Amino acid sequence: MKSRIRVEITGRNEFWQNAVHVEWDYQFPDRKLEVESSGFLLAHEDWIDDLKRVAAQCFCEVKFAPLDPGRRLLFRKLLARDGHD
């Protein structure tokens, strides 16, 4: 069984981050990304290069998510500016 990696898609705004999912589903309909409740994704490790390429096409980046996603979410809430996460 292939190992999966938790990743995060970051980009200009929510529109472009959503565009990554749309473009991924179009280019790789047989490769399903699993969305966690925390907003992070689980992707097979051998898909990462393709996912980075698709993200770049949508002005986004793929970042490796922390093993403990709650910690990053806490920092986002603490450091949020003007009510934006």
PDB file of N, CA and C in Angstrom:
ATOM      1  N   MET A   1       0.835  -1.188   0.000  1.00  0.00           N
ATOM      2  CA  MET A   1       0.000   0.000   0.000  1.00  0.00           C
ATOM      3  C   MET A   1       0.875   1.244   0.000  1.00  0.00           C
ATOM      4  N   LYS A   2       0.541   2.189  -0.845  1.00  0.00           N
ATOM      5  CA  LYS A   2       1.314   3.421  -0.952  1.00  0.00           C
ATOM      6  C   LYS A   2       1.053   4.304   0.261  1.00  0.00           C
ATOM      7  N   SER A   3       2.093   4.977   0.714  1.00  0.00           N
ATOM      8  CA  SER A   3       1.901   5.842   1.864  1.00  0.00           C
ATOM      9  C   SER A   3       1.340   7.190   1.420  1.00  0.00           C
ATOM     10  N   ARG A   4       0.551   7.774   2.304  1.00  0.00           N
ATOM     11  CA  ARG A   4      -0.061   9.064   2.007  1.00  0.00           C
ATOM     12  C   ARG A   4       0.592  10.139   2.860  1.00  0.00           C
ATOM     13  N   ILE A   5       0.601  11.330   2.313  1.00  0.00           N
ATOM     14  CA  ILE A   5       1.221  12.479   2.957  1.00  0.00           C
ATOM     15  C   ILE A   5       0.160  13.550   3.155  1.00  0.00           C
ATOM     16  N   ARG A   6       0.179  14.187   4.327  1.00  0.00           N
ATOM     17  CA  ARG A   6      -0.736  15.297   4.605  1.00  0.00           C
ATOM     18  C   ARG A   6      -0.117  16.572   4.032  1.00  0.00           C
ATOM     19  N   VAL A   7      -0.879  17.251   3.188  1.00  0.00           N
ATOM     20  CA  VAL A   7      -0.397  18.484   2.568  1.00  0.00           C
ATOM     21  C   VAL A   7      -1.437  19.588   2.732  1.00  0.00           C
ATOM     22  N   GLU A   8      -0.978  20.795   2.450  1.00  0.00           N
ATOM     23  CA  GLU A   8      -1.829  21.970   2.499  1.00  0.00           C
ATOM     24  C   GLU A   8      -1.647  22.731   1.189  1.00  0.00           C
ATOM     25  N   ILE A   9      -2.739  23.229   0.634  1.00  0.00           N
ATOM     26  CA  ILE A   9      -2.675  24.058  -0.568  1.00  0.00           C
ATOM     27  C   ILE A   9      -2.801  25.507  -0.122  1.00  0.00           C
ATOM     28  N   THR A  10      -1.809  26.321  -0.448  1.00  0.00           N
ATOM     29  CA  THR A  10      -1.874  27.737  -0.131  1.00  0.00           C
ATOM     30  C   THR A  10      -1.775  28.527  -1.433  1.00  0.00           C
ATOM     31  N   GLY A  11      -2.406  29.674  -1.459  1.00  0.00           N
ATOM     32  CA  GLY A  11      -2.365  30.469  -2.672  1.00  0.00           C
ATOM     33  C   GLY A  11      -2.920  31.863  -2.469  1.00  0.00           C
ATOM     34  N   ARG A  12      -3.148  32.526  -3.599  1.00  0.00           N
ATOM     35  CA  ARG A  12      -3.600  33.918  -3.591  1.00  0.00           C
ATOM     36  C   ARG A  12      -4.860  34.117  -2.767  1.00  0.00           C
ATOM     37  N   ASN A  13      -5.827  33.235  -2.977  1.00  0.00           N
ATOM     38  CA  ASN A  13      -7.093  33.342  -2.250  1.00  0.00           C
ATOM     39  C   ASN A  13      -7.848  32.022  -2.377  1.00  0.00           C
ATOM     40  N   GLU A  14      -9.028  31.990  -1.785  1.00  0.00           N
ATOM     41  CA  GLU A  14      -9.818  30.755  -1.763  1.00  0.00           C
ATOM     42  C   GLU A  14     -10.225  30.313  -3.173  1.00  0.00           C
ATOM     43  N   PHE A  15     -10.483  31.274  -4.067  1.00  0.00           N
ATOM     44  CA  PHE A  15     -10.856  30.927  -5.445  1.00  0.00           C
ATOM     45  C   PHE A  15      -9.780  30.055  -6.081  1.00  0.00           C
ATOM     46  N   TRP A  16      -8.530  30.494  -5.993  1.00  0.00           N
ATOM     47  CA  TRP A  16      -7.443  29.762  -6.629  1.00  0.00           C
ATOM     48  C   TRP A  16      -7.164  28.440  -5.928  1.00  0.00           C
ATOM     49  N   GLN A  17      -7.337  28.404  -4.607  1.00  0.00           N
ATOM     50  CA  GLN A  17      -7.156  27.150  -3.888  1.00  0.00           C
ATOM     51  C   GLN A  17      -8.205  26.131  -4.329  1.00  0.00           C
ATOM     52  N   ASN A  18      -9.426  26.584  -4.529  1.00  0.00           N
ATOM     53  CA  ASN A  18     -10.478  25.690  -5.038  1.00  0.00           C
ATOM     54  C   ASN A  18     -10.190  25.271  -6.478  1.00  0.00           C
ATOM     55  N   ALA A  19      -9.583  26.178  -7.244  1.00  0.00           N
ATOM     56  CA  ALA A  19      -9.248  25.870  -8.637  1.00  0.00           C
ATOM     57  C   ALA A  19      -8.275  24.691  -8.719  1.00  0.00           C
ATOM     58  N   VAL A  20      -7.415  24.556  -7.729  1.00  0.00           N
ATOM     59  CA  VAL A  20      -6.477  23.422  -7.704  1.00  0.00           C
ATOM     60  C   VAL A  20      -7.259  22.110  -7.677  1.00  0.00           C
ATOM     61  N   HIS A  21      -8.299  22.059  -6.846  1.00  0.00           N
ATOM     62  CA  HIS A  21      -9.106  20.832  -6.753  1.00  0.00           C
ATOM     63  C   HIS A  21      -9.817  20.538  -8.077  1.00  0.00           C
ATOM     64  N   VAL A  22     -10.361  21.572  -8.691  1.00  0.00           N
ATOM     65  CA  VAL A  22     -11.063  21.397  -9.966  1.00  0.00           C
ATOM     66  C   VAL A  22     -10.096  20.908 -11.041  1.00  0.00           C
ATOM     67  N   GLU A  23      -8.952  21.556 -11.120  1.00  0.00           N
ATOM     68  CA  GLU A  23      -7.957  21.183 -12.133  1.00  0.00           C
ATOM     69  C   GLU A  23      -7.400  19.789 -11.871  1.00  0.00           C
ATOM     70  N   TRP A  24      -7.179  19.447 -10.602  1.00  0.00           N
ATOM     71  CA  TRP A  24      -6.691  18.107 -10.250  1.00  0.00           C
ATOM     72  C   TRP A  24      -7.687  17.047 -10.710  1.00  0.00           C
ATOM     73  N   ASP A  25      -8.965  17.264 -10.388  1.00  0.00           N
ATOM     74  CA  ASP A  25      -9.999  16.298 -10.784  1.00  0.00           C
ATOM     75  C   ASP A  25     -10.099  16.170 -12.304  1.00  0.00           C
ATOM     76  N   TYR A  26      -9.859  17.275 -13.021  1.00  0.00           N
ATOM     77  CA  TYR A  26      -9.907  17.239 -14.487  1.00  0.00           C
ATOM     78  C   TYR A  26      -8.707  16.472 -15.051  1.00  0.00           C
ATOM     79  N   GLN A  27      -7.497  16.773 -14.545  1.00  0.00           N
ATOM     80  CA  GLN A  27      -6.292  16.154 -15.088  1.00  0.00           C
ATOM     81  C   GLN A  27      -6.088  14.712 -14.603  1.00  0.00           C
ATOM     82  N   PHE A  28      -6.560  14.424 -13.392  1.00  0.00           N
ATOM     83  CA  PHE A  28      -6.325  13.103 -12.801  1.00  0.00           C
ATOM     84  C   PHE A  28      -7.622  12.571 -12.184  1.00  0.00           C
ATOM     85  N   PRO A  29      -8.606  12.242 -13.002  1.00  0.00           N
ATOM     86  CA  PRO A  29      -9.907  11.814 -12.460  1.00  0.00           C
ATOM     87  C   PRO A  29      -9.837  10.513 -11.646  1.00  0.00           C
ATOM     88  N   ASP A  30      -8.808   9.719 -11.863  1.00  0.00           N
ATOM     89  CA  ASP A  30      -8.689   8.462 -11.130  1.00  0.00           C
ATOM     90  C   ASP A  30      -7.894   8.606  -9.828  1.00  0.00           C
ATOM     91  N   ARG A  31      -7.380   9.798  -9.553  1.00  0.00           N
ATOM     92  CA  ARG A  31      -6.604  10.050  -8.332  1.00  0.00           C
ATOM     93  C   ARG A  31      -7.426  10.952  -7.409  1.00  0.00           C
ATOM     94  N   LYS A  32      -7.978  10.390  -6.389  1.00  0.00           N
ATOM     95  CA  LYS A  32      -8.824  11.146  -5.469  1.00  0.00           C
ATOM     96  C   LYS A  32      -8.011  11.624  -4.272  1.00  0.00           C
ATOM     97  N   LEU A  33      -8.061  12.921  -4.026  1.00  0.00           N
ATOM     98  CA  LEU A  33      -7.442  13.498  -2.840  1.00  0.00           C
ATOM     99  C   LEU A  33      -8.450  13.426  -1.702  1.00  0.00           C
ATOM    100  N   GLU A  34      -7.986  13.040  -0.535  1.00  0.00           N
ATOM    101  CA  GLU A  34      -8.866  12.947   0.617  1.00  0.00           C
ATOM    102  C   GLU A  34      -8.747  14.242   1.425  1.00  0.00           C
ATOM    103  N   VAL A  35      -9.876  14.927   1.606  1.00  0.00           N
ATOM    104  CA  VAL A  35      -9.900  16.176   2.363  1.00  0.00           C
ATOM    105  C   VAL A  35     -10.227  15.848   3.814  1.00  0.00           C
ATOM    106  N   GLU A  36      -9.359  16.268   4.711  1.00  0.00           N
ATOM    107  CA  GLU A  36      -9.592  16.059   6.134  1.00  0.00           C
ATOM    108  C   GLU A  36     -10.459  17.188   6.684  1.00  0.00           C
ATOM    109  N   SER A  37     -11.056  16.964   7.832  1.00  0.00           N
ATOM    110  CA  SER A  37     -11.905  17.985   8.443  1.00  0.00           C
ATOM    111  C   SER A  37     -11.113  19.245   8.780  1.00  0.00           C
ATOM    112  N   SER A  38      -9.812  19.114   8.971  1.00  0.00           N
ATOM    113  CA  SER A  38      -8.950  20.256   9.288  1.00  0.00           C
ATOM    114  C   SER A  38      -8.662  21.118   8.059  1.00  0.00           C
ATOM    115  N   GLY A  39      -9.063  20.641   6.877  1.00  0.00           N
ATOM    116  CA  GLY A  39      -8.791  21.374   5.643  1.00  0.00           C
ATOM    117  C   GLY A  39      -7.543  20.903   4.926  1.00  0.00           C
ATOM    118  N   PHE A  40      -6.760  20.061   5.579  1.00  0.00           N
ATOM    119  CA  PHE A  40      -5.581  19.507   4.935  1.00  0.00           C
ATOM    120  C   PHE A  40      -5.995  18.359   4.020  1.00  0.00           C
ATOM    121  N   LEU A  41      -5.103  17.987   3.123  1.00  0.00           N
ATOM    122  CA  LEU A  41      -5.367  16.909   2.174  1.00  0.00           C
ATOM    123  C   LEU A  41      -4.434  15.744   2.442  1.00  0.00           C
ATOM    124  N   LEU A  42      -4.899  14.564   2.109  1.00  0.00           N
ATOM    125  CA  LEU A  42      -4.043  13.385   2.098  1.00  0.00           C
ATOM    126  C   LEU A  42      -3.866  12.978   0.646  1.00  0.00           C
ATOM    127  N   ALA A  43      -2.611  12.887   0.230  1.00  0.00           N
ATOM    128  CA  ALA A  43      -2.291  12.509  -1.147  1.00  0.00           C
ATOM    129  C   ALA A  43      -1.235  11.422  -1.117  1.00  0.00           C
ATOM    130  N   HIS A  44      -1.285  10.518  -2.065  1.00  0.00           N
ATOM    131  CA  HIS A  44      -0.249   9.495  -2.172  1.00  0.00           C
ATOM    132  C   HIS A  44       1.073  10.189  -2.472  1.00  0.00           C
ATOM    133  N   GLU A  45       2.110   9.700  -1.850  1.00  0.00           N
ATOM    134  CA  GLU A  45       3.408  10.364  -1.966  1.00  0.00           C
ATOM    135  C   GLU A  45       3.913  10.447  -3.407  1.00  0.00           C
ATOM    136  N   ASP A  46       3.553   9.486  -4.249  1.00  0.00           N
ATOM    137  CA  ASP A  46       4.024   9.537  -5.630  1.00  0.00           C
ATOM    138  C   ASP A  46       3.209  10.509  -6.498  1.00  0.00           C
ATOM    139  N   TRP A  47       2.199  11.156  -5.937  1.00  0.00           N
ATOM    140  CA  TRP A  47       1.417  12.173  -6.661  1.00  0.00           C
ATOM    141  C   TRP A  47       1.927  13.589  -6.391  1.00  0.00           C
ATOM    142  N   ILE A  48       2.829  13.751  -5.443  1.00  0.00           N
ATOM    143  CA  ILE A  48       3.195  15.083  -4.970  1.00  0.00           C
ATOM    144  C   ILE A  48       3.755  15.972  -6.083  1.00  0.00           C
ATOM    145  N   ASP A  49       4.609  15.458  -6.936  1.00  0.00           N
ATOM    146  CA  ASP A  49       5.157  16.282  -8.024  1.00  0.00           C
ATOM    147  C   ASP A  49       4.046  16.767  -8.953  1.00  0.00           C
ATOM    148  N   ASP A  50       3.097  15.881  -9.290  1.00  0.00           N
ATOM    149  CA  ASP A  50       1.974  16.283 -10.135  1.00  0.00           C
ATOM    150  C   ASP A  50       1.092  17.305  -9.419  1.00  0.00           C
ATOM    151  N   LEU A  51       0.876  17.112  -8.127  1.00  0.00           N
ATOM    152  CA  LEU A  51       0.053  18.047  -7.363  1.00  0.00           C
ATOM    153  C   LEU A  51       0.717  19.421  -7.294  1.00  0.00           C
ATOM    154  N   LYS A  52       2.031  19.455  -7.122  1.00  0.00           N
ATOM    155  CA  LYS A  52       2.758  20.733  -7.115  1.00  0.00           C
ATOM    156  C   LYS A  52       2.631  21.438  -8.467  1.00  0.00           C
ATOM    157  N   ARG A  53       2.700  20.680  -9.548  1.00  0.00           N
ATOM    158  CA  ARG A  53       2.582  21.264 -10.881  1.00  0.00           C
ATOM    159  C   ARG A  53       1.193  21.856 -11.093  1.00  0.00           C
ATOM    160  N   VAL A  54       0.148  21.118 -10.706  1.00  0.00           N
ATOM    161  CA  VAL A  54      -1.226  21.596 -10.847  1.00  0.00           C
ATOM    162  C   VAL A  54      -1.434  22.836  -9.979  1.00  0.00           C
ATOM    163  N   ALA A  55      -0.915  22.807  -8.762  1.00  0.00           N
ATOM    164  CA  ALA A  55      -1.049  23.961  -7.872  1.00  0.00           C
ATOM    165  C   ALA A  55      -0.386  25.201  -8.488  1.00  0.00           C
ATOM    166  N   ALA A  56       0.784  25.030  -9.058  1.00  0.00           N
ATOM    167  CA  ALA A  56       1.491  26.156  -9.675  1.00  0.00           C
ATOM    168  C   ALA A  56       0.682  26.740 -10.840  1.00  0.00           C
ATOM    169  N   GLN A  57      -0.018  25.894 -11.576  1.00  0.00           N
ATOM    170  CA  GLN A  57      -0.865  26.369 -12.672  1.00  0.00           C
ATOM    171  C   GLN A  57      -1.989  27.260 -12.148  1.00  0.00           C
ATOM    172  N   CYS A  58      -2.332  27.109 -10.871  1.00  0.00           N
ATOM    173  CA  CYS A  58      -3.423  27.864 -10.241  1.00  0.00           C
ATOM    174  C   CYS A  58      -2.884  28.888  -9.243  1.00  0.00           C
ATOM    175  N   PHE A  59      -1.618  29.299  -9.422  1.00  0.00           N
ATOM    176  CA  PHE A  59      -1.001  30.309  -8.562  1.00  0.00           C
ATOM    177  C   PHE A  59      -0.987  29.898  -7.090  1.00  0.00           C
ATOM    178  N   CYS A  60      -0.789  28.611  -6.826  1.00  0.00           N
ATOM    179  CA  CYS A  60      -0.782  28.081  -5.467  1.00  0.00           C
ATOM    180  C   CYS A  60       0.477  27.258  -5.230  1.00  0.00           C
ATOM    181  N   GLU A  61       0.659  26.865  -3.985  1.00  0.00           N
ATOM    182  CA  GLU A  61       1.771  26.014  -3.583  1.00  0.00           C
ATOM    183  C   GLU A  61       1.252  24.843  -2.769  1.00  0.00           C
ATOM    184  N   VAL A  62       2.006  23.768  -2.798  1.00  0.00           N
ATOM    185  CA  VAL A  62       1.729  22.613  -1.949  1.00  0.00           C
ATOM    186  C   VAL A  62       2.773  22.636  -0.846  1.00  0.00           C
ATOM    187  N   LYS A  63       2.289  22.620   0.388  1.00  0.00           N
ATOM    188  CA  LYS A  63       3.189  22.591   1.544  1.00  0.00           C
ATOM    189  C   LYS A  63       2.897  21.335   2.345  1.00  0.00           C
ATOM    190  N   PHE A  64       3.933  20.781   2.909  1.00  0.00           N
ATOM    191  CA  PHE A  64       3.740  19.624   3.766  1.00  0.00           C
ATOM    192  C   PHE A  64       3.129  20.107   5.065  1.00  0.00           C
ATOM    193  N   ALA A  65       2.047  19.476   5.453  1.00  0.00           N
ATOM    194  CA  ALA A  65       1.330  19.866   6.664  1.00  0.00           C
ATOM    195  C   ALA A  65       2.002  19.242   7.880  1.00  0.00           C
ATOM    196  N   PRO A  66       1.795  19.844   9.032  1.00  0.00           N
ATOM    197  CA  PRO A  66       2.399  19.297  10.248  1.00  0.00           C
ATOM    198  C   PRO A  66       1.741  17.984  10.655  1.00  0.00           C
ATOM    199  N   LEU A  67       2.457  17.215  11.429  1.00  0.00           N
ATOM    200  CA  LEU A  67       1.892  15.969  11.935  1.00  0.00           C
ATOM    201  C   LEU A  67       0.726  16.251  12.873  1.00  0.00           C
ATOM    202  N   ASP A  68       0.781  17.400  13.561  1.00  0.00           N
ATOM    203  CA  ASP A  68      -0.286  17.814  14.466  1.00  0.00           C
ATOM    204  C   ASP A  68      -0.958  19.056  13.876  1.00  0.00           C
ATOM    205  N   PRO A  69      -1.978  18.884  13.030  1.00  0.00           N
ATOM    206  CA  PRO A  69      -2.590  20.031  12.359  1.00  0.00           C
ATOM    207  C   PRO A  69      -3.273  20.996  13.319  1.00  0.00           C
ATOM    208  N   GLY A  70      -3.678  20.545  14.491  1.00  0.00           N
ATOM    209  CA  GLY A  70      -4.320  21.430  15.448  1.00  0.00           C
ATOM    210  C   GLY A  70      -3.425  22.573  15.862  1.00  0.00           C
ATOM    211  N   ARG A  71      -2.147  22.318  15.933  1.00  0.00           N
ATOM    212  CA  ARG A  71      -1.188  23.348  16.316  1.00  0.00           C
ATOM    213  C   ARG A  71      -1.144  24.474  15.290  1.00  0.00           C
ATOM    214  N   ARG A  72      -1.110  24.142  14.002  1.00  0.00           N
ATOM    215  CA  ARG A  72      -1.072  25.166  12.963  1.00  0.00           C
ATOM    216  C   ARG A  72      -2.381  25.942  12.941  1.00  0.00           C
ATOM    217  N   LEU A  73      -3.497  25.253  13.120  1.00  0.00           N
ATOM    218  CA  LEU A  73      -4.789  25.931  13.148  1.00  0.00           C
ATOM    219  C   LEU A  73      -4.864  26.899  14.324  1.00  0.00           C
ATOM    220  N   LEU A  74      -4.304  26.527  15.459  1.00  0.00           N
ATOM    221  CA  LEU A  74      -4.280  27.405  16.620  1.00  0.00           C
ATOM    222  C   LEU A  74      -3.478  28.661  16.314  1.00  0.00           C
ATOM    223  N   PHE A  75      -2.310  28.510  15.705  1.00  0.00           N
ATOM    224  CA  PHE A  75      -1.495  29.670  15.357  1.00  0.00           C
ATOM    225  C   PHE A  75      -2.215  30.577  14.361  1.00  0.00           C
ATOM    226  N   ARG A  76      -2.920  30.004  13.414  1.00  0.00           N
ATOM    227  CA  ARG A  76      -3.673  30.811  12.453  1.00  0.00           C
ATOM    228  C   ARG A  76      -4.714  31.674  13.164  1.00  0.00           C
ATOM    229  N   LYS A  77      -5.410  31.089  14.125  1.00  0.00           N
ATOM    230  CA  LYS A  77      -6.435  31.836  14.855  1.00  0.00           C
ATOM    231  C   LYS A  77      -5.798  32.924  15.705  1.00  0.00           C
ATOM    232  N   LEU A  78      -4.677  32.613  16.327  1.00  0.00           N
ATOM    233  CA  LEU A  78      -4.003  33.599  17.173  1.00  0.00           C
ATOM    234  C   LEU A  78      -3.406  34.757  16.370  1.00  0.00           C
ATOM    235  N   LEU A  79      -2.944  34.443  15.164  1.00  0.00           N
ATOM    236  CA  LEU A  79      -2.273  35.454  14.350  1.00  0.00           C
ATOM    237  C   LEU A  79      -3.154  36.053  13.271  1.00  0.00           C
ATOM    238  N   ALA A  80      -4.437  35.709  13.271  1.00  0.00           N
ATOM    239  CA  ALA A  80      -5.360  36.221  12.239  1.00  0.00           C
ATOM    240  C   ALA A  80      -5.442  37.737  12.336  1.00  0.00           C
ATOM    241  N   ARG A  81      -5.401  38.377  11.179  1.00  0.00           N
ATOM    242  CA  ARG A  81      -5.497  39.834  11.110  1.00  0.00           C
ATOM    243  C   ARG A  81      -6.843  40.231  10.564  1.00  0.00           C
ATOM    244  N   ASP A  82      -7.442  41.215  11.159  1.00  0.00           N
ATOM    245  CA  ASP A  82      -8.722  41.777  10.702  1.00  0.00           C
ATOM    246  C   ASP A  82      -9.789  40.726  10.548  1.00  0.00           C
ATOM    247  N   GLY A  83      -9.756  39.700  11.362  1.00  0.00           N
ATOM    248  CA  GLY A  83     -10.795  38.667  11.331  1.00  0.00           C
ATOM    249  C   GLY A  83     -10.651  37.663  10.202  1.00  0.00           C
ATOM    250  N   HIS A  84      -9.561  37.730   9.422  1.00  0.00           N
ATOM    251  CA  HIS A  84      -9.348  36.776   8.314  1.00  0.00           C
ATOM    252  C   HIS A  84      -8.453  35.668   8.798  1.00  0.00           C
ATOM    253  N   ASP A  85      -8.803  34.427   8.470  1.00  0.00           N
ATOM    254  CA  ASP A  85      -7.949  33.276   8.843  1.00  0.00           C
ATOM    255  C   ASP A  85      -6.891  33.078   7.821  1.00  0.00           C
TER     256      ASP A  85
END
